[in-house]
Amino acid sequence: MNILLIDDHFCAREGVACLLKQLFPELQVFEAESFDEGLAIARTTPLNLVLLDIQLPGKDGLTGLAELRSEFPNLCVAMFSGLDDRELVFEALRLGAMGFIAKTVSRQAFALALQDVLSGKVYLPVSVVGSQPVQETASTAGIKPVSDPASVGLTPREFEVLGWLVQGLCNKEIARKLGIEEQTVKNHLRPVFQKFDVARRTELLVKAFEQGIVFGRPGVGN
């Protein structure tokens, strides 16, 4: 498995590279100090994940993210930055990032974040989802959790599936939670994507948060 780390700070980059090798000994870690250098590596090396800093010399991380997503639409890219402003996170998700990992996270949280994005989940930082369960966070932020699926144009099952997606689960895990086939989950998500007018699950998450759609932990279906 190959990971590309793009960060212009040598000490930070070396430290993260060492941590990656400790956490995942099977990984091959490639390093770049600028986006253009990283892009050259991506064009010649099969990659499983790119960890991309926001603040880079020359071409910034968000511009680079859009370029990577355009040239390599199936490549998993996660932002890795000391900045985790909510709007910055949303912009990265709009551009197709599979996660946004703050450089301030603990070793354990970093490992879990990588496992999430590598398994197809979307990892969101505390600045977006809060440190408490989503429903509790909503109440402290003055957002009323949406409990009526019809109010957002969804069926009860579509609403339930979206609730699990917002919690960060991939399709296979949602299927396991609901006791249904993975294809059935995809069938439920298709009209959800259409109703929210989005093409990617990261865009769907952004739309859900921006519209104040906040969920507690969904119940397990039959």
C-alpha atoms as a PDB file:
ATOM      1  CA  MET A   1       0.000   0.000   0.000  1.00  0.00           C
ATOM      2  CA  ASN A   2       1.386   3.397  -1.026  1.00  0.00           C
ATOM      3  CA  ILE A   3       0.753   6.738   0.678  1.00  0.00           C
ATOM      4  CA  LEU A   4       1.956  10.095  -0.608  1.00  0.00           C
ATOM      5  CA  LEU A   5       2.536  12.819   2.004  1.00  0.00           C
ATOM      6  CA  ILE A   6       2.687  16.385   0.641  1.00  0.00           C
ATOM      7  CA  ASP A   7       3.890  18.900   3.232  1.00  0.00           C
ATOM      8  CA  ASP A   8       6.463  21.673   2.841  1.00  0.00           C
ATOM      9  CA  HIS A   9       7.700  21.519   6.445  1.00  0.00           C
ATOM     10  CA  PHE A  10      10.560  19.003   6.565  1.00  0.00           C
ATOM     11  CA  CYS A  11      10.400  18.198  10.287  1.00  0.00           C
ATOM     12  CA  ALA A  12       6.616  17.763  10.256  1.00  0.00           C
ATOM     13  CA  ARG A  13       6.768  15.642   7.119  1.00  0.00           C
ATOM     14  CA  GLU A  14       9.526  13.399   8.462  1.00  0.00           C
ATOM     15  CA  GLY A  15       7.710  12.991  11.764  1.00  0.00           C
ATOM     16  CA  VAL A  16       4.438  11.998  10.096  1.00  0.00           C
ATOM     17  CA  ALA A  17       6.265   9.643   7.727  1.00  0.00           C
ATOM     18  CA  CYS A  18       7.884   7.887  10.696  1.00  0.00           C
ATOM     19  CA  LEU A  19       4.534   7.678  12.481  1.00  0.00           C
ATOM     20  CA  LEU A  20       2.886   6.201   9.379  1.00  0.00           C
ATOM     21  CA  LYS A  21       5.555   3.508   9.165  1.00  0.00           C
ATOM     22  CA  GLN A  22       5.131   2.693  12.859  1.00  0.00           C
ATOM     23  CA  LEU A  23       1.344   2.487  12.625  1.00  0.00           C
ATOM     24  CA  PHE A  24       1.243   0.619   9.320  1.00  0.00           C
ATOM     25  CA  PRO A  25       4.550  -1.253   8.739  1.00  0.00           C
ATOM     26  CA  GLU A  26       3.311  -2.541   5.395  1.00  0.00           C
ATOM     27  CA  LEU A  27       3.034   0.990   3.982  1.00  0.00           C
ATOM     28  CA  GLN A  28       5.372   2.552   1.459  1.00  0.00           C
ATOM     29  CA  VAL A  29       5.488   6.282   2.222  1.00  0.00           C
ATOM     30  CA  PHE A  30       6.409   8.781  -0.494  1.00  0.00           C
ATOM     31  CA  GLU A  31       7.172  12.397   0.413  1.00  0.00           C
ATOM     32  CA  ALA A  32       6.910  15.703  -1.444  1.00  0.00           C
ATOM     33  CA  GLU A  33       7.507  19.281  -0.277  1.00  0.00           C
ATOM     34  CA  SER A  34       5.304  20.933  -2.911  1.00  0.00           C
ATOM     35  CA  PHE A  35       2.162  20.043  -4.809  1.00  0.00           C
ATOM     36  CA  ASP A  36       3.926  19.928  -8.180  1.00  0.00           C
ATOM     37  CA  GLU A  37       6.506  17.508  -6.773  1.00  0.00           C
ATOM     38  CA  GLY A  38       3.694  15.381  -5.365  1.00  0.00           C
ATOM     39  CA  LEU A  39       1.793  15.446  -8.647  1.00  0.00           C
ATOM     40  CA  ALA A  40       4.862  14.130 -10.454  1.00  0.00           C
ATOM     41  CA  ILE A  41       4.994  11.201  -8.000  1.00  0.00           C
ATOM     42  CA  ALA A  42       1.258  10.537  -8.427  1.00  0.00           C
ATOM     43  CA  ARG A  43       1.719  10.335 -12.190  1.00  0.00           C
ATOM     44  CA  THR A  44       4.354   7.615 -11.938  1.00  0.00           C
ATOM     45  CA  THR A  45       3.395   5.703  -8.782  1.00  0.00           C
ATOM     46  CA  PRO A  46       0.190   3.753  -7.956  1.00  0.00           C
ATOM     47  CA  LEU A  47      -1.149   5.378  -4.781  1.00  0.00           C
ATOM     48  CA  ASN A  48      -3.787   4.328  -2.250  1.00  0.00           C
ATOM     49  CA  LEU A  49      -3.938   7.650  -0.408  1.00  0.00           C
ATOM     50  CA  VAL A  50      -2.615  11.200  -0.598  1.00  0.00           C
ATOM     51  CA  LEU A  51      -2.246  13.234   2.608  1.00  0.00           C
ATOM     52  CA  LEU A  52      -2.263  16.835   1.417  1.00  0.00           C
ATOM     53  CA  ASP A  53      -1.425  19.925   3.474  1.00  0.00           C
ATOM     54  CA  ILE A  54      -3.438  23.119   2.913  1.00  0.00           C
ATOM     55  CA  GLN A  55      -0.635  25.672   3.135  1.00  0.00           C
ATOM     56  CA  LEU A  56       1.927  24.877   0.461  1.00  0.00           C
ATOM     57  CA  PRO A  57       4.365  27.057  -1.485  1.00  0.00           C
ATOM     58  CA  GLY A  58       3.274  27.844  -5.024  1.00  0.00           C
ATOM     59  CA  LYS A  59       0.040  25.920  -5.471  1.00  0.00           C
ATOM     60  CA  ASP A  60      -2.024  25.657  -2.276  1.00  0.00           C
ATOM     61  CA  GLY A  61      -3.589  22.412  -1.076  1.00  0.00           C
ATOM     62  CA  LEU A  62      -7.179  23.159  -2.091  1.00  0.00           C
ATOM     63  CA  THR A  63      -6.152  24.086  -5.643  1.00  0.00           C
ATOM     64  CA  GLY A  64      -4.034  20.956  -5.708  1.00  0.00           C
ATOM     65  CA  LEU A  65      -6.930  18.868  -4.421  1.00  0.00           C
ATOM     66  CA  ALA A  66      -9.140  20.006  -7.307  1.00  0.00           C
ATOM     67  CA  GLU A  67      -6.366  19.161  -9.757  1.00  0.00           C
ATOM     68  CA  LEU A  68      -5.796  15.699  -8.252  1.00  0.00           C
ATOM     69  CA  ARG A  69      -9.518  14.917  -8.285  1.00  0.00           C
ATOM     70  CA  SER A  70      -9.724  15.980 -11.932  1.00  0.00           C
ATOM     71  CA  GLU A  71      -6.748  13.930 -13.093  1.00  0.00           C
ATOM     72  CA  PHE A  72      -7.214  10.964 -10.724  1.00  0.00           C
ATOM     73  CA  PRO A  73     -10.958  10.778  -9.905  1.00  0.00           C
ATOM     74  CA  ASN A  74     -10.622   7.454  -8.062  1.00  0.00           C
ATOM     75  CA  LEU A  75      -7.653   8.475  -5.919  1.00  0.00           C
ATOM     76  CA  CYS A  76      -8.376   8.866  -2.209  1.00  0.00           C
ATOM     77  CA  VAL A  77      -7.195  12.255  -0.945  1.00  0.00           C
ATOM     78  CA  ALA A  78      -7.387  13.496   2.643  1.00  0.00           C
ATOM     79  CA  MET A  79      -6.388  16.952   3.809  1.00  0.00           C
ATOM     80  CA  PHE A  80      -3.863  17.010   6.660  1.00  0.00           C
ATOM     81  CA  SER A  81      -3.524  20.470   8.109  1.00  0.00           C
ATOM     82  CA  GLY A  82      -2.998  22.599  11.178  1.00  0.00           C
ATOM     83  CA  LEU A  83      -6.023  24.593  10.016  1.00  0.00           C
ATOM     84  CA  ASP A  84      -9.448  23.020  10.589  1.00  0.00           C
ATOM     85  CA  ASP A  85     -11.855  25.923  10.205  1.00  0.00           C
ATOM     86  CA  ARG A  86     -15.372  24.622   9.525  1.00  0.00           C
ATOM     87  CA  GLU A  87     -15.723  26.442   6.182  1.00  0.00           C
ATOM     88  CA  LEU A  88     -12.297  25.234   5.097  1.00  0.00           C
ATOM     89  CA  VAL A  89     -13.312  21.663   5.886  1.00  0.00           C
ATOM     90  CA  PHE A  90     -16.547  22.045   3.910  1.00  0.00           C
ATOM     91  CA  GLU A  91     -14.677  23.484   0.920  1.00  0.00           C
ATOM     92  CA  ALA A  92     -12.299  20.500   0.950  1.00  0.00           C
ATOM     93  CA  LEU A  93     -15.268  18.120   1.033  1.00  0.00           C
ATOM     94  CA  ARG A  94     -16.936  19.987  -1.843  1.00  0.00           C
ATOM     95  CA  LEU A  95     -13.769  19.494  -3.869  1.00  0.00           C
ATOM     96  CA  GLY A  96     -13.798  15.759  -3.173  1.00  0.00           C
ATOM     97  CA  ALA A  97     -11.552  15.177  -0.147  1.00  0.00           C
ATOM     98  CA  MET A  98     -12.393  11.947   1.695  1.00  0.00           C
ATOM     99  CA  GLY A  99     -11.451  13.446   5.009  1.00  0.00           C
ATOM    100  CA  PHE A 100      -9.883  16.335   6.856  1.00  0.00           C
ATOM    101  CA  ILE A 101      -7.382  15.381   9.547  1.00  0.00           C
ATOM    102  CA  ALA A 102      -6.105  18.052  11.926  1.00  0.00           C
ATOM    103  CA  LYS A 103      -2.395  17.912  12.740  1.00  0.00           C
ATOM    104  CA  THR A 104      -3.310  18.320  16.393  1.00  0.00           C
ATOM    105  CA  VAL A 105      -5.043  14.925  16.676  1.00  0.00           C
ATOM    106  CA  SER A 106      -3.661  12.227  18.919  1.00  0.00           C
ATOM    107  CA  ARG A 107      -1.712   9.253  17.603  1.00  0.00           C
ATOM    108  CA  GLN A 108      -4.739   6.997  18.117  1.00  0.00           C
ATOM    109  CA  ALA A 109      -7.128   9.425  16.388  1.00  0.00           C
ATOM    110  CA  PHE A 110      -4.694   9.773  13.481  1.00  0.00           C
ATOM    111  CA  ALA A 111      -4.580   6.001  13.030  1.00  0.00           C
ATOM    112  CA  LEU A 112      -8.384   5.739  13.155  1.00  0.00           C
ATOM    113  CA  ALA A 113      -8.754   8.602  10.665  1.00  0.00           C
ATOM    114  CA  LEU A 114      -6.458   6.853   8.193  1.00  0.00           C
ATOM    115  CA  GLN A 115      -8.314   3.577   8.616  1.00  0.00           C
ATOM    116  CA  ASP A 116     -11.585   5.404   7.941  1.00  0.00           C
ATOM    117  CA  VAL A 117     -10.525   7.030   4.679  1.00  0.00           C
ATOM    118  CA  LEU A 118      -8.718   3.933   3.437  1.00  0.00           C
ATOM    119  CA  SER A 119     -11.873   1.859   4.032  1.00  0.00           C
ATOM    120  CA  GLY A 120     -14.082   4.296   2.121  1.00  0.00           C
ATOM    121  CA  LYS A 121     -15.451   6.301   5.033  1.00  0.00           C
ATOM    122  CA  VAL A 122     -15.394  10.091   5.244  1.00  0.00           C
ATOM    123  CA  TYR A 123     -13.450  11.388   8.241  1.00  0.00           C
ATOM    124  CA  LEU A 124     -14.633  14.692   9.719  1.00  0.00           C
ATOM    125  CA  PRO A 125     -12.789  16.674  12.422  1.00  0.00           C
ATOM    126  CA  VAL A 126     -14.170  17.818  15.752  1.00  0.00           C
ATOM    127  CA  SER A 127     -14.561  21.334  14.316  1.00  0.00           C
ATOM    128  CA  VAL A 128     -17.403  19.976  12.164  1.00  0.00           C
ATOM    129  CA  VAL A 129     -19.052  17.186  14.130  1.00  0.00           C
ATOM    130  CA  GLY A 130     -18.108  18.264  17.652  1.00  0.00           C
ATOM    131  CA  SER A 131     -16.763  16.091  20.437  1.00  0.00           C
ATOM    132  CA  GLN A 132     -20.240  14.981  21.552  1.00  0.00           C
ATOM    133  CA  PRO A 133     -22.796  12.828  19.719  1.00  0.00           C
ATOM    134  CA  VAL A 134     -24.277  14.780  16.813  1.00  0.00           C
ATOM    135  CA  GLN A 135     -27.675  15.326  18.383  1.00  0.00           C
ATOM    136  CA  GLU A 136     -26.148  16.742  21.590  1.00  0.00           C
ATOM    137  CA  THR A 137     -23.802  18.972  19.601  1.00  0.00           C
ATOM    138  CA  ALA A 138     -26.759  20.299  17.640  1.00  0.00           C
ATOM    139  CA  SER A 139     -28.610  21.387  20.744  1.00  0.00           C
ATOM    140  CA  THR A 140     -25.631  23.343  22.070  1.00  0.00           C
ATOM    141  CA  ALA A 141     -25.194  25.009  18.663  1.00  0.00           C
ATOM    142  CA  GLY A 142     -28.844  26.082  18.550  1.00  0.00           C
ATOM    143  CA  ILE A 143     -29.688  23.728  15.655  1.00  0.00           C
ATOM    144  CA  LYS A 144     -32.892  21.772  15.931  1.00  0.00           C
ATOM    145  CA  PRO A 145     -32.322  18.151  14.863  1.00  0.00           C
ATOM    146  CA  VAL A 146     -34.472  17.096  11.931  1.00  0.00           C
ATOM    147  CA  SER A 147     -36.739  14.224  12.909  1.00  0.00           C
ATOM    148  CA  ASP A 148     -39.316  14.298  10.098  1.00  0.00           C
ATOM    149  CA  PRO A 149     -37.974  12.736   6.868  1.00  0.00           C
ATOM    150  CA  ALA A 150     -40.750  14.373   4.840  1.00  0.00           C
ATOM    151  CA  SER A 151     -39.472  17.818   5.864  1.00  0.00           C
ATOM    152  CA  VAL A 152     -36.377  17.224   3.710  1.00  0.00           C
ATOM    153  CA  GLY A 153     -38.195  15.264   1.002  1.00  0.00           C
ATOM    154  CA  LEU A 154     -36.968  11.828   2.027  1.00  0.00           C
ATOM    155  CA  THR A 155     -38.669   8.536   2.809  1.00  0.00           C
ATOM    156  CA  PRO A 156     -38.102   7.119   6.317  1.00  0.00           C
ATOM    157  CA  ARG A 157     -35.621   4.543   4.968  1.00  0.00           C
ATOM    158  CA  GLU A 158     -33.734   7.110   2.879  1.00  0.00           C
ATOM    159  CA  PHE A 159     -33.538   9.320   5.965  1.00  0.00           C
ATOM    160  CA  GLU A 160     -32.228   6.429   8.054  1.00  0.00           C
ATOM    161  CA  VAL A 161     -29.561   5.552   5.478  1.00  0.00           C
ATOM    162  CA  LEU A 162     -28.507   9.208   5.263  1.00  0.00           C
ATOM    163  CA  GLY A 163     -28.271   9.300   9.048  1.00  0.00           C
ATOM    164  CA  TRP A 164     -25.742   6.470   9.033  1.00  0.00           C
ATOM    165  CA  LEU A 165     -23.827   8.084   6.176  1.00  0.00           C
ATOM    166  CA  VAL A 166     -23.551  11.301   8.208  1.00  0.00           C
ATOM    167  CA  GLN A 167     -22.051   9.218  11.024  1.00  0.00           C
ATOM    168  CA  GLY A 168     -19.269   8.309   8.568  1.00  0.00           C
ATOM    169  CA  LEU A 169     -20.237   4.723   7.703  1.00  0.00           C
ATOM    170  CA  CYS A 170     -19.517   3.281   4.268  1.00  0.00           C
ATOM    171  CA  ASN A 171     -22.206   1.411   2.295  1.00  0.00           C
ATOM    172  CA  LYS A 172     -21.112  -2.025   3.507  1.00  0.00           C
ATOM    173  CA  GLU A 173     -21.329  -0.978   7.160  1.00  0.00           C
ATOM    174  CA  ILE A 174     -24.715   0.692   6.645  1.00  0.00           C
ATOM    175  CA  ALA A 175     -25.989  -2.539   5.092  1.00  0.00           C
ATOM    176  CA  ARG A 176     -24.740  -4.485   8.112  1.00  0.00           C
ATOM    177  CA  LYS A 177     -26.405  -2.067  10.538  1.00  0.00           C
ATOM    178  CA  LEU A 178     -29.749  -2.295   8.716  1.00  0.00           C
ATOM    179  CA  GLY A 179     -29.589  -6.002   7.923  1.00  0.00           C
ATOM    180  CA  ILE A 180     -29.938  -5.414   4.175  1.00  0.00           C
ATOM    181  CA  GLU A 181     -27.821  -5.960   1.070  1.00  0.00           C
ATOM    182  CA  GLU A 182     -25.170  -3.404   0.114  1.00  0.00           C
ATOM    183  CA  GLN A 183     -26.897  -2.951  -3.260  1.00  0.00           C
ATOM    184  CA  THR A 184     -30.099  -2.046  -1.428  1.00  0.00           C
ATOM    185  CA  VAL A 185     -28.209   0.696   0.418  1.00  0.00           C
ATOM    186  CA  LYS A 186     -27.014   2.028  -2.940  1.00  0.00           C
ATOM    187  CA  ASN A 187     -30.599   1.928  -4.220  1.00  0.00           C
ATOM    188  CA  HIS A 188     -31.740   4.025  -1.238  1.00  0.00           C
ATOM    189  CA  LEU A 189     -28.874   6.493  -1.620  1.00  0.00           C
ATOM    190  CA  ARG A 190     -29.421   7.102  -5.339  1.00  0.00           C
ATOM    191  CA  PRO A 191     -32.605   9.188  -4.883  1.00  0.00           C
ATOM    192  CA  VAL A 192     -31.009  10.936  -1.879  1.00  0.00           C
ATOM    193  CA  PHE A 193     -28.152  12.105  -4.090  1.00  0.00           C
ATOM    194  CA  GLN A 194     -30.680  13.251  -6.696  1.00  0.00           C
ATOM    195  CA  LYS A 195     -32.829  15.153  -4.178  1.00  0.00           C
ATOM    196  CA  PHE A 196     -29.805  16.984  -2.802  1.00  0.00           C
ATOM    197  CA  ASP A 197     -28.399  17.513  -6.315  1.00  0.00           C
ATOM    198  CA  VAL A 198     -24.946  16.128  -5.522  1.00  0.00           C
ATOM    199  CA  ALA A 199     -22.665  13.579  -7.156  1.00  0.00           C
ATOM    200  CA  ARG A 200     -20.407  12.505  -4.280  1.00  0.00           C
ATOM    201  CA  ARG A 201     -21.005  11.445  -0.687  1.00  0.00           C
ATOM    202  CA  THR A 202     -18.658  14.188   0.526  1.00  0.00           C
ATOM    203  CA  GLU A 203     -20.891  16.768  -1.193  1.00  0.00           C
ATOM    204  CA  LEU A 204     -23.919  15.133   0.394  1.00  0.00           C
ATOM    205  CA  LEU A 205     -22.382  15.494   3.852  1.00  0.00           C
ATOM    206  CA  VAL A 206     -21.715  19.176   3.214  1.00  0.00           C
ATOM    207  CA  LYS A 207     -25.297  19.772   2.053  1.00  0.00           C
ATOM    208  CA  ALA A 208     -26.687  17.952   5.088  1.00  0.00           C
ATOM    209  CA  PHE A 209     -24.633  20.018   7.539  1.00  0.00           C
ATOM    210  CA  GLU A 210     -25.234  23.304   5.711  1.00  0.00           C
ATOM    211  CA  GLN A 211     -29.003  22.796   5.767  1.00  0.00           C
ATOM    212  CA  GLY A 212     -28.955  22.090   9.496  1.00  0.00           C
ATOM    213  CA  ILE A 213     -29.909  18.439   9.063  1.00  0.00           C
ATOM    214  CA  VAL A 214     -28.591  16.911  12.247  1.00  0.00           C
ATOM    215  CA  PHE A 215     -29.121  13.342  13.361  1.00  0.00           C
ATOM    216  CA  GLY A 216     -28.838  11.437  16.571  1.00  0.00           C
ATOM    217  CA  ARG A 217     -27.636   7.880  16.338  1.00  0.00           C
ATOM    218  CA  PRO A 218     -30.021   6.137  13.916  1.00  0.00           C
ATOM    219  CA  GLY A 219     -31.859   3.078  15.122  1.00  0.00           C
ATOM    220  CA  VAL A 220     -31.013  -0.308  13.664  1.00  0.00           C
ATOM    221  CA  GLY A 221     -33.548  -1.345  11.067  1.00  0.00           C
ATOM    222  CA  ASN A 222     -35.066  -4.724  10.459  1.00  0.00           C
END
